[in-house]
Amino acid sequence: MDGDKMKYRPLGTRVLAVVVWNDIFSEWCVYIDAVEGHDHDAEAKEVARTGYKQDEDLAKVLFPSIADLEYTYTD
């Protein structure tokens, strides 16, 4: 989607949490998945595309800086 932004947080060498947000729609979602651990910048894009969506409570703990935006948990 146009306007999407992404940031990630390593939860270990081989696990990433990725937040994707859109300022236009003021919504965001967090995904977590295992990665190979070789290139987190590239791997974060794949986690955002195919990772497991997380509930709002965990998402706000992992990424409190954008918690004021509306959280979207839809498949």
PDB file of N, CA and C in Angstrom:
ATOM      1  N   MET A   1       0.835  -1.183   0.000  1.00  0.00           N
ATOM      2  CA  MET A   1       0.000   0.000   0.000  1.00  0.00           C
ATOM      3  C   MET A   1       0.878   1.245   0.000  1.00  0.00           C
ATOM      4  N   ASP A   2       0.512   2.227  -0.804  1.00  0.00           N
ATOM      5  CA  ASP A   2       1.267   3.473  -0.854  1.00  0.00           C
ATOM      6  C   ASP A   2       1.195   4.175   0.499  1.00  0.00           C
ATOM      7  N   GLY A   3       2.318   4.743   0.883  1.00  0.00           N
ATOM      8  CA  GLY A   3       2.354   5.480   2.135  1.00  0.00           C
ATOM      9  C   GLY A   3       2.731   4.638   3.348  1.00  0.00           C
ATOM     10  N   ASP A   4       2.897   3.326   3.162  1.00  0.00           N
ATOM     11  CA  ASP A   4       3.268   2.472   4.290  1.00  0.00           C
ATOM     12  C   ASP A   4       4.712   2.730   4.698  1.00  0.00           C
ATOM     13  N   LYS A   5       4.943   2.678   6.008  1.00  0.00           N
ATOM     14  CA  LYS A   5       6.278   2.805   6.574  1.00  0.00           C
ATOM     15  C   LYS A   5       6.519   1.563   7.416  1.00  0.00           C
ATOM     16  N   MET A   6       7.785   1.243   7.644  1.00  0.00           N
ATOM     17  CA  MET A   6       8.113   0.018   8.358  1.00  0.00           C
ATOM     18  C   MET A   6       9.320   0.252   9.263  1.00  0.00           C
ATOM     19  N   LYS A   7       9.292  -0.406  10.412  1.00  0.00           N
ATOM     20  CA  LYS A   7      10.408  -0.394  11.353  1.00  0.00           C
ATOM     21  C   LYS A   7      10.444  -1.772  11.986  1.00  0.00           C
ATOM     22  N   TYR A   8      11.626  -2.256  12.339  1.00  0.00           N
ATOM     23  CA  TYR A   8      11.700  -3.583  12.959  1.00  0.00           C
ATOM     24  C   TYR A   8      12.492  -3.544  14.257  1.00  0.00           C
ATOM     25  N   ARG A   9      12.260  -4.567  15.061  1.00  0.00           N
ATOM     26  CA  ARG A   9      12.976  -4.757  16.315  1.00  0.00           C
ATOM     27  C   ARG A   9      13.372  -6.224  16.404  1.00  0.00           C
ATOM     28  N   PRO A  10      14.681  -6.517  16.489  1.00  0.00           N
ATOM     29  CA  PRO A  10      15.086  -7.910  16.675  1.00  0.00           C
ATOM     30  C   PRO A  10      14.683  -8.386  18.072  1.00  0.00           C
ATOM     31  N   LEU A  11      14.051  -9.539  18.134  1.00  0.00           N
ATOM     32  CA  LEU A  11      13.718 -10.164  19.414  1.00  0.00           C
ATOM     33  C   LEU A  11      14.729 -11.243  19.744  1.00  0.00           C
ATOM     34  N   GLY A  12      15.667 -11.427  18.864  1.00  0.00           N
ATOM     35  CA  GLY A  12      16.757 -12.381  18.956  1.00  0.00           C
ATOM     36  C   GLY A  12      17.457 -12.336  17.609  1.00  0.00           C
ATOM     37  N   THR A  13      18.510 -13.096  17.452  1.00  0.00           N
ATOM     38  CA  THR A  13      19.225 -13.099  16.184  1.00  0.00           C
ATOM     39  C   THR A  13      18.350 -13.572  15.040  1.00  0.00           C
ATOM     40  N   ARG A  14      17.420 -14.487  15.339  1.00  0.00           N
ATOM     41  CA  ARG A  14      16.613 -15.092  14.279  1.00  0.00           C
ATOM     42  C   ARG A  14      15.113 -14.860  14.410  1.00  0.00           C
ATOM     43  N   VAL A  15      14.733 -13.836  15.145  1.00  0.00           N
ATOM     44  CA  VAL A  15      13.312 -13.491  15.268  1.00  0.00           C
ATOM     45  C   VAL A  15      13.176 -11.968  15.170  1.00  0.00           C
ATOM     46  N   LEU A  16      12.276 -11.522  14.289  1.00  0.00           N
ATOM     47  CA  LEU A  16      12.045 -10.089  14.133  1.00  0.00           C
ATOM     48  C   LEU A  16      10.590  -9.743  14.404  1.00  0.00           C
ATOM     49  N   ALA A  17      10.383  -8.595  15.028  1.00  0.00           N
ATOM     50  CA  ALA A  17       9.065  -7.983  15.134  1.00  0.00           C
ATOM     51  C   ALA A  17       9.097  -6.778  14.200  1.00  0.00           C
ATOM     52  N   VAL A  18       8.101  -6.674  13.346  1.00  0.00           N
ATOM     53  CA  VAL A  18       8.057  -5.607  12.352  1.00  0.00           C
ATOM     54  C   VAL A  18       6.745  -4.849  12.498  1.00  0.00           C
ATOM     55  N   VAL A  19       6.841  -3.539  12.592  1.00  0.00           N
ATOM     56  CA  VAL A  19       5.640  -2.709  12.612  1.00  0.00           C
ATOM     57  C   VAL A  19       5.515  -2.035  11.251  1.00  0.00           C
ATOM     58  N   VAL A  20       4.311  -2.066  10.719  1.00  0.00           N
ATOM     59  CA  VAL A  20       4.001  -1.396   9.455  1.00  0.00           C
ATOM     60  C   VAL A  20       2.894  -0.396   9.755  1.00  0.00           C
ATOM     61  N   TRP A  21       3.095   0.849   9.363  1.00  0.00           N
ATOM     62  CA  TRP A  21       2.057   1.841   9.626  1.00  0.00           C
ATOM     63  C   TRP A  21       1.858   2.738   8.415  1.00  0.00           C
ATOM     64  N   ASN A  22       0.710   3.381   8.413  1.00  0.00           N
ATOM     65  CA  ASN A  22       0.341   4.263   7.327  1.00  0.00           C
ATOM     66  C   ASN A  22      -0.173   5.568   7.932  1.00  0.00           C
ATOM     67  N   ASP A  23       0.552   6.643   7.717  1.00  0.00           N
ATOM     68  CA  ASP A  23       0.163   7.942   8.267  1.00  0.00           C
ATOM     69  C   ASP A  23      -1.121   8.476   7.644  1.00  0.00           C
ATOM     70  N   ILE A  24      -1.374   8.113   6.406  1.00  0.00           N
ATOM     71  CA  ILE A  24      -2.573   8.607   5.728  1.00  0.00           C
ATOM     72  C   ILE A  24      -3.827   8.079   6.414  1.00  0.00           C
ATOM     73  N   PHE A  25      -3.833   6.788   6.721  1.00  0.00           N
ATOM     74  CA  PHE A  25      -4.996   6.164   7.347  1.00  0.00           C
ATOM     75  C   PHE A  25      -4.864   6.077   8.860  1.00  0.00           C
ATOM     76  N   SER A  26      -3.722   6.496   9.410  1.00  0.00           N
ATOM     77  CA  SER A  26      -3.448   6.455  10.854  1.00  0.00           C
ATOM     78  C   SER A  26      -3.703   5.075  11.445  1.00  0.00           C
ATOM     79  N   GLU A  27      -3.144   4.056  10.809  1.00  0.00           N
ATOM     80  CA  GLU A  27      -3.303   2.692  11.323  1.00  0.00           C
ATOM     81  C   GLU A  27      -1.982   1.945  11.218  1.00  0.00           C
ATOM     82  N   TRP A  28      -1.877   0.899  12.025  1.00  0.00           N
ATOM     83  CA  TRP A  28      -0.647   0.122  12.065  1.00  0.00           C
ATOM     84  C   TRP A  28      -0.913  -1.301  12.503  1.00  0.00           C
ATOM     85  N   CYS A  29       0.072  -2.183  12.290  1.00  0.00           N
ATOM     86  CA  CYS A  29      -0.026  -3.584  12.678  1.00  0.00           C
ATOM     87  C   CYS A  29       1.388  -4.119  12.885  1.00  0.00           C
ATOM     88  N   VAL A  30       1.527  -5.107  13.777  1.00  0.00           N
ATOM     89  CA  VAL A  30       2.824  -5.713  14.068  1.00  0.00           C
ATOM     90  C   VAL A  30       2.805  -7.178  13.663  1.00  0.00           C
ATOM     91  N   TYR A  31       3.912  -7.593  13.056  1.00  0.00           N
ATOM     92  CA  TYR A  31       4.095  -8.980  12.614  1.00  0.00           C
ATOM     93  C   TYR A  31       5.374  -9.517  13.235  1.00  0.00           C
ATOM     94  N   ILE A  32       5.370 -10.806  13.566  1.00  0.00           N
ATOM     95  CA  ILE A  32       6.562 -11.469  14.098  1.00  0.00           C
ATOM     96  C   ILE A  32       6.771 -12.756  13.326  1.00  0.00           C
ATOM     97  N   ASP A  33       8.051 -13.068  13.060  1.00  0.00           N
ATOM     98  CA  ASP A  33       8.373 -14.331  12.405  1.00  0.00           C
ATOM     99  C   ASP A  33       9.854 -14.635  12.585  1.00  0.00           C
ATOM    100  N   ALA A  34      10.189 -15.880  12.342  1.00  0.00           N
ATOM    101  CA  ALA A  34      11.582 -16.318  12.368  1.00  0.00           C
ATOM    102  C   ALA A  34      12.259 -15.925  11.063  1.00  0.00           C
ATOM    103  N   VAL A  35      13.541 -15.611  11.155  1.00  0.00           N
ATOM    104  CA  VAL A  35      14.343 -15.252   9.988  1.00  0.00           C
ATOM    105  C   VAL A  35      15.671 -15.993  10.061  1.00  0.00           C
ATOM    106  N   GLU A  36      16.428 -15.964   8.983  1.00  0.00           N
ATOM    107  CA  GLU A  36      17.736 -16.629   8.990  1.00  0.00           C
ATOM    108  C   GLU A  36      18.764 -15.852   9.803  1.00  0.00           C
ATOM    109  N   GLY A  37      18.582 -14.561   9.928  1.00  0.00           N
ATOM    110  CA  GLY A  37      19.475 -13.765  10.753  1.00  0.00           C
ATOM    111  C   GLY A  37      20.691 -13.226  10.034  1.00  0.00           C
ATOM    112  N   HIS A  38      20.678 -13.220   8.709  1.00  0.00           N
ATOM    113  CA  HIS A  38      21.828 -12.749   7.939  1.00  0.00           C
ATOM    114  C   HIS A  38      21.739 -11.273   7.573  1.00  0.00           C
ATOM    115  N   ASP A  39      20.529 -10.783   7.288  1.00  0.00           N
ATOM    116  CA  ASP A  39      20.333  -9.403   6.845  1.00  0.00           C
ATOM    117  C   ASP A  39      18.960  -8.930   7.317  1.00  0.00           C
ATOM    118  N   HIS A  40      18.912  -8.403   8.531  1.00  0.00           N
ATOM    119  CA  HIS A  40      17.631  -8.011   9.113  1.00  0.00           C
ATOM    120  C   HIS A  40      16.895  -6.969   8.286  1.00  0.00           C
ATOM    121  N   ASP A  41      17.613  -6.074   7.628  1.00  0.00           N
ATOM    122  CA  ASP A  41      16.936  -5.059   6.806  1.00  0.00           C
ATOM    123  C   ASP A  41      16.105  -5.721   5.709  1.00  0.00           C
ATOM    124  N   ALA A  42      16.680  -6.669   5.010  1.00  0.00           N
ATOM    125  CA  ALA A  42      15.961  -7.372   3.944  1.00  0.00           C
ATOM    126  C   ALA A  42      14.924  -8.323   4.515  1.00  0.00           C
ATOM    127  N   GLU A  43      15.262  -9.007   5.597  1.00  0.00           N
ATOM    128  CA  GLU A  43      14.356  -9.993   6.191  1.00  0.00           C
ATOM    129  C   GLU A  43      13.112  -9.337   6.785  1.00  0.00           C
ATOM    130  N   ALA A  44      13.236  -8.101   7.257  1.00  0.00           N
ATOM    131  CA  ALA A  44      12.087  -7.397   7.832  1.00  0.00           C
ATOM    132  C   ALA A  44      10.983  -7.209   6.798  1.00  0.00           C
ATOM    133  N   LYS A  45      11.349  -6.970   5.562  1.00  0.00           N
ATOM    134  CA  LYS A  45      10.352  -6.815   4.498  1.00  0.00           C
ATOM    135  C   LYS A  45       9.542  -8.087   4.312  1.00  0.00           C
ATOM    136  N   GLU A  46      10.201  -9.235   4.399  1.00  0.00           N
ATOM    137  CA  GLU A  46       9.494 -10.512   4.260  1.00  0.00           C
ATOM    138  C   GLU A  46       8.606 -10.782   5.474  1.00  0.00           C
ATOM    139  N   VAL A  47       9.071 -10.430   6.667  1.00  0.00           N
ATOM    140  CA  VAL A  47       8.248 -10.599   7.868  1.00  0.00           C
ATOM    141  C   VAL A  47       6.992  -9.733   7.759  1.00  0.00           C
ATOM    142  N   ALA A  48       7.128  -8.518   7.254  1.00  0.00           N
ATOM    143  CA  ALA A  48       5.969  -7.638   7.087  1.00  0.00           C
ATOM    144  C   ALA A  48       4.970  -8.227   6.093  1.00  0.00           C
ATOM    145  N   ARG A  49       5.466  -8.964   5.136  1.00  0.00           N
ATOM    146  CA  ARG A  49       4.605  -9.531   4.104  1.00  0.00           C
ATOM    147  C   ARG A  49       3.964 -10.846   4.533  1.00  0.00           C
ATOM    148  N   THR A  50       4.721 -11.692   5.263  1.00  0.00           N
ATOM    149  CA  THR A  50       4.235 -13.048   5.543  1.00  0.00           C
ATOM    150  C   THR A  50       4.235 -13.432   7.020  1.00  0.00           C
ATOM    151  N   GLY A  51       4.609 -12.508   7.905  1.00  0.00           N
ATOM    152  CA  GLY A  51       4.702 -12.828   9.330  1.00  0.00           C
ATOM    153  C   GLY A  51       3.349 -12.991   9.991  1.00  0.00           C
ATOM    154  N   TYR A  52       3.387 -13.336  11.257  1.00  0.00           N
ATOM    155  CA  TYR A  52       2.176 -13.578  12.046  1.00  0.00           C
ATOM    156  C   TYR A  52       1.756 -12.294  12.749  1.00  0.00           C
ATOM    157  N   LYS A  53       0.531 -11.846  12.489  1.00  0.00           N
ATOM    158  CA  LYS A  53       0.017 -10.626  13.121  1.00  0.00           C
ATOM    159  C   LYS A  53      -0.110 -10.826  14.621  1.00  0.00           C
ATOM    160  N   GLN A  54       0.200  -9.770  15.356  1.00  0.00           N
ATOM    161  CA  GLN A  54       0.164  -9.812  16.811  1.00  0.00           C
ATOM    162  C   GLN A  54      -1.004  -8.986  17.337  1.00  0.00           C
ATOM    163  N   ASP A  55      -1.419  -9.310  18.560  1.00  0.00           N
ATOM    164  CA  ASP A  55      -2.521  -8.550  19.140  1.00  0.00           C
ATOM    165  C   ASP A  55      -2.031  -7.171  19.587  1.00  0.00           C
ATOM    166  N   GLU A  56      -2.973  -6.292  19.836  1.00  0.00           N
ATOM    167  CA  GLU A  56      -2.676  -4.896  20.125  1.00  0.00           C
ATOM    168  C   GLU A  56      -1.844  -4.714  21.391  1.00  0.00           C
ATOM    169  N   ASP A  57      -2.105  -5.476  22.429  1.00  0.00           N
ATOM    170  CA  ASP A  57      -1.371  -5.307  23.682  1.00  0.00           C
ATOM    171  C   ASP A  57       0.125  -5.557  23.496  1.00  0.00           C
ATOM    172  N   LEU A  58       0.477  -6.657  22.840  1.00  0.00           N
ATOM    173  CA  LEU A  58       1.891  -6.960  22.593  1.00  0.00           C
ATOM    174  C   LEU A  58       2.494  -5.922  21.652  1.00  0.00           C
ATOM    175  N   ALA A  59       1.749  -5.544  20.635  1.00  0.00           N
ATOM    176  CA  ALA A  59       2.240  -4.564  19.668  1.00  0.00           C
ATOM    177  C   ALA A  59       2.609  -3.249  20.350  1.00  0.00           C
ATOM    178  N   LYS A  60       1.793  -2.803  21.295  1.00  0.00           N
ATOM    179  CA  LYS A  60       2.065  -1.538  21.989  1.00  0.00           C
ATOM    180  C   LYS A  60       3.277  -1.638  22.904  1.00  0.00           C
ATOM    181  N   VAL A  61       3.544  -2.813  23.432  1.00  0.00           N
ATOM    182  CA  VAL A  61       4.742  -3.004  24.247  1.00  0.00           C
ATOM    183  C   VAL A  61       5.990  -2.953  23.367  1.00  0.00           C
ATOM    184  N   LEU A  62       5.918  -3.587  22.205  1.00  0.00           N
ATOM    185  CA  LEU A  62       7.071  -3.647  21.311  1.00  0.00           C
ATOM    186  C   LEU A  62       7.359  -2.311  20.623  1.00  0.00           C
ATOM    187  N   PHE A  63       6.319  -1.549  20.306  1.00  0.00           N
ATOM    188  CA  PHE A  63       6.474  -0.297  19.568  1.00  0.00           C
ATOM    189  C   PHE A  63       5.633   0.822  20.197  1.00  0.00           C
ATOM    190  N   PRO A  64       5.991   1.262  21.403  1.00  0.00           N
ATOM    191  CA  PRO A  64       5.175   2.266  22.099  1.00  0.00           C
ATOM    192  C   PRO A  64       5.166   3.636  21.413  1.00  0.00           C
ATOM    193  N   SER A  65       6.138   3.912  20.584  1.00  0.00           N
ATOM    194  CA  SER A  65       6.220   5.244  19.978  1.00  0.00           C
ATOM    195  C   SER A  65       5.096   5.531  18.988  1.00  0.00           C
ATOM    196  N   ILE A  66       4.440   4.502  18.462  1.00  0.00           N
ATOM    197  CA  ILE A  66       3.330   4.739  17.536  1.00  0.00           C
ATOM    198  C   ILE A  66       2.006   4.218  18.086  1.00  0.00           C
ATOM    199  N   ALA A  67       1.961   3.985  19.368  1.00  0.00           N
ATOM    200  CA  ALA A  67       0.765   3.410  19.995  1.00  0.00           C
ATOM    201  C   ALA A  67      -0.452   4.335  19.943  1.00  0.00           C
ATOM    202  N   ASP A  68      -0.250   5.617  19.655  1.00  0.00           N
ATOM    203  CA  ASP A  68      -1.380   6.538  19.592  1.00  0.00           C
ATOM    204  C   ASP A  68      -2.199   6.386  18.307  1.00  0.00           C
ATOM    205  N   LEU A  69      -1.622   5.750  17.291  1.00  0.00           N
ATOM    206  CA  LEU A  69      -2.374   5.500  16.067  1.00  0.00           C
ATOM    207  C   LEU A  69      -3.344   4.346  16.278  1.00  0.00           C
ATOM    208  N   GLU A  70      -4.366   4.253  15.451  1.00  0.00           N
ATOM    209  CA  GLU A  70      -5.345   3.174  15.576  1.00  0.00           C
ATOM    210  C   GLU A  70      -4.730   1.854  15.133  1.00  0.00           C
ATOM    211  N   TYR A  71      -4.798   0.837  15.999  1.00  0.00           N
ATOM    212  CA  TYR A  71      -4.244  -0.479  15.669  1.00  0.00           C
ATOM    213  C   TYR A  71      -5.233  -1.229  14.798  1.00  0.00           C
ATOM    214  N   THR A  72      -4.752  -1.877  13.746  1.00  0.00           N
ATOM    215  CA  THR A  72      -5.619  -2.657  12.864  1.00  0.00           C
ATOM    216  C   THR A  72      -5.229  -4.118  12.931  1.00  0.00           C
ATOM    217  N   TYR A  73      -6.157  -4.940  13.307  1.00  0.00           N
ATOM    218  CA  TYR A  73      -5.922  -6.381  13.331  1.00  0.00           C
ATOM    219  C   TYR A  73      -6.954  -7.036  12.449  1.00  0.00           C
ATOM    220  N   THR A  74      -6.688  -7.005  11.172  1.00  0.00           N
ATOM    221  CA  THR A  74      -7.584  -7.647  10.213  1.00  0.00           C
ATOM    222  C   THR A  74      -6.767  -8.521   9.290  1.00  0.00           C
ATOM    223  N   ASP A  75      -7.335  -9.621   8.884  1.00  0.00           N
ATOM    224  CA  ASP A  75      -6.646 -10.511   7.941  1.00  0.00           C
ATOM    225  C   ASP A  75      -7.014 -10.175   6.529  1.00  0.00           C
TER     226      ASP A  75
END
